[in-house]
Protein backbone atom coordinates (compact mmCIF):
# COMPACT_ATOMS: atom_id res chain seq x y z
CA MET A 1 4.08 9.81 -11.82
CA LYS A 2 0.56 9.57 -11.62
CA VAL A 3 -1.33 7.17 -9.39
CA THR A 4 -4.96 6.03 -10.49
CA ILE A 5 -7.23 4.68 -7.77
CA ILE A 6 -10.17 2.22 -8.20
CA HIS A 7 -12.45 0.98 -5.87
CA LYS A 8 -14.19 -2.39 -6.32
CA LYS A 9 -16.51 -2.97 -3.43
CA SER A 10 -13.97 -1.80 -1.14
CA GLY A 11 -15.84 -1.24 1.86
CA ILE A 12 -13.78 2.02 2.29
CA LYS A 13 -16.01 4.96 3.33
CA LYS A 14 -16.09 8.32 1.62
CA ASP A 15 -15.06 10.16 5.05
CA GLU A 16 -11.69 7.72 4.87
CA VAL A 17 -10.63 8.36 1.74
CA GLU A 18 -8.93 11.86 2.38
CA VAL A 19 -6.59 9.86 5.05
CA TYR A 20 -5.75 7.37 2.18
CA ASN A 21 -4.90 10.15 -0.37
CA LYS A 22 -2.59 11.52 2.07
CA PHE A 23 -0.92 8.30 2.74
CA ILE A 24 -0.43 7.88 -0.73
CA LYS A 25 1.36 11.27 -1.01
CA TYR A 26 3.42 10.12 1.73
CA LEU A 27 4.40 6.90 0.08
CA GLN A 28 5.36 8.75 -3.15
CA LYS A 29 7.41 11.35 -0.96
CA GLU A 30 9.15 8.42 0.52
CA PHE A 31 9.43 5.95 -2.00
CA PRO A 32 9.12 7.87 -5.37
CA LEU A 33 8.47 5.62 -8.53
CA LYS A 34 9.10 6.41 -12.02
CA HIS A 35 6.19 4.79 -13.63
CA ASP A 36 2.29 5.67 -13.35
CA LEU A 37 0.78 3.36 -10.97
CA THR A 38 -2.97 2.13 -10.30
CA ILE A 39 -4.12 0.96 -7.07
CA THR A 40 -7.15 -1.28 -6.89
CA PHE A 41 -8.90 -1.67 -3.48
CA LEU A 42 -10.82 -5.07 -3.44
CA GLY A 43 -13.77 -6.28 -1.48
CA GLU A 44 -12.87 -9.74 -2.25
CA ARG A 45 -9.88 -11.54 -3.01
CA VAL A 46 -8.47 -12.30 -6.00
CA GLY A 47 -6.64 -15.65 -7.38
CA LYS A 48 -4.25 -16.46 -4.74
CA MET A 49 -3.82 -12.91 -2.93
CA THR A 50 -3.59 -13.02 0.58
CA THR A 51 -4.08 -9.39 1.44
CA GLY A 52 -2.28 -7.73 -1.42
CA SER A 53 -0.61 -8.48 -4.77
CA ARG A 54 1.63 -6.54 -7.12
CA LEU A 55 2.22 -6.89 -10.89
CA PRO A 56 4.31 -4.08 -12.76
CA HIS A 57 2.72 -0.78 -12.21
CA ASP A 58 -0.63 -2.41 -10.51
CA ILE A 59 -1.05 -2.94 -7.10
CA ARG A 60 -4.17 -4.91 -5.44
CA ILE A 61 -5.32 -4.53 -1.98
CA LEU A 62 -7.89 -6.50 -0.19
CA SER A 63 -9.66 -3.68 1.99
CA LYS A 64 -13.37 -5.11 2.85
CA ASN A 65 -13.86 -5.93 6.47
CA ARG A 66 -10.26 -4.71 7.89
CA MET A 67 -9.12 -1.73 9.88
CA ASN A 68 -7.88 0.82 7.99
CA ARG A 69 -4.35 0.92 9.55
CA ASP A 70 -3.89 -2.75 8.06
CA ILE A 71 -5.35 -1.62 4.77
CA LEU A 72 -2.71 1.01 4.73
CA ARG A 73 0.18 -1.23 5.81
CA THR A 74 -0.40 -3.59 3.15
CA LEU A 75 -0.54 -0.95 0.71
CA ALA A 76 2.76 0.22 1.90
CA HIS A 77 4.38 -3.16 1.59
CA GLU A 78 3.00 -3.61 -2.07
CA TRP A 79 4.31 -0.06 -2.89
CA VAL A 80 7.96 -1.12 -1.46
CA HIS A 81 7.96 -4.13 -4.02
CA GLU A 82 7.03 -1.41 -6.86
CA HIS A 83 9.81 0.72 -5.71
CA GLN A 84 12.35 -2.55 -5.68
CA MET A 85 11.29 -3.44 -9.22
CA ASP A 86 10.94 -0.16 -10.88
CA VAL A 87 13.28 2.29 -9.17
CA LYS A 88 15.89 -0.20 -7.71
CA LYS A 89 15.54 -2.44 -10.55
CA ARG A 90 15.85 -5.80 -8.47
CA ASP A 91 14.60 -9.07 -9.27
CA MET A 92 11.44 -10.62 -7.75
CA GLY A 93 13.20 -12.64 -5.07
CA PRO A 94 11.33 -15.39 -2.75
CA ASP A 95 7.84 -14.76 -1.23
CA ILE A 96 8.95 -15.80 2.07
CA GLY A 97 12.04 -14.06 3.37
CA GLY A 98 14.77 -12.69 1.38
CA GLU A 99 16.02 -9.20 0.94
CA ASN A 100 13.11 -7.70 -0.72
CA GLU A 101 10.35 -9.31 1.47
CA ASP A 102 12.37 -8.62 4.49
CA GLU A 103 12.77 -4.64 3.48
CA ALA A 104 9.06 -4.59 2.34
CA ASN A 105 7.82 -5.83 5.74
CA SER A 106 10.29 -3.53 7.72
CA GLU A 107 9.52 -0.32 5.73
CA SER A 108 5.74 -0.48 5.41
CA GLY A 109 5.56 -1.01 9.11
CA ALA A 110 8.08 1.88 9.65
CA MET A 111 6.23 4.11 7.24
CA MET A 112 2.92 3.39 9.30
CA LYS A 113 4.49 4.33 12.60
CA LYS A 114 6.07 7.76 10.71
CA PHE A 115 2.56 8.61 9.33
CA GLU A 116 0.80 8.17 12.38
CA ARG A 117 3.32 10.52 13.82
CA ASP A 118 3.07 12.84 11.19
CA PHE A 119 -0.58 13.06 11.03
CA PRO A 120 -1.86 12.57 14.30
CA ASP A 121 -5.10 13.86 13.52
CA SER A 122 -5.58 10.57 11.27
CA GLU A 123 -5.66 8.43 14.02
CA SER A 124 -9.40 8.25 14.54
CA ILE A 125 -9.71 6.92 10.82
CA LEU A 126 -6.62 4.57 11.03
CA TYR A 127 -8.04 2.59 13.90
CA LYS A 128 -11.59 2.21 12.22
């Protein structure tokens, strides 16, 4: 499974990219996917997205002017949705509440805490 990362005026600085790459590898380990995935970090909202959106095998994250920790939590949330559809073969479910949304909220928060515990050297980047 291959992850392609695209930056479109994302505002993510070069010295922060290593932490992003570590976090993506962490997500791959915890929530492995079957198909290739494209992640696009955006400087501006697209359509009706709030901070993130997901189409099959395509995650878009609003990143400009946000704290890195919040960006990565949004990425984890959308990644969990991808895992739900790609691996667990679940139907989409409601946008507010419901099994999928509740699981994505819970797991993305847990992933951030685990990542911070396992990679304490990343803290200075996460809170920028």
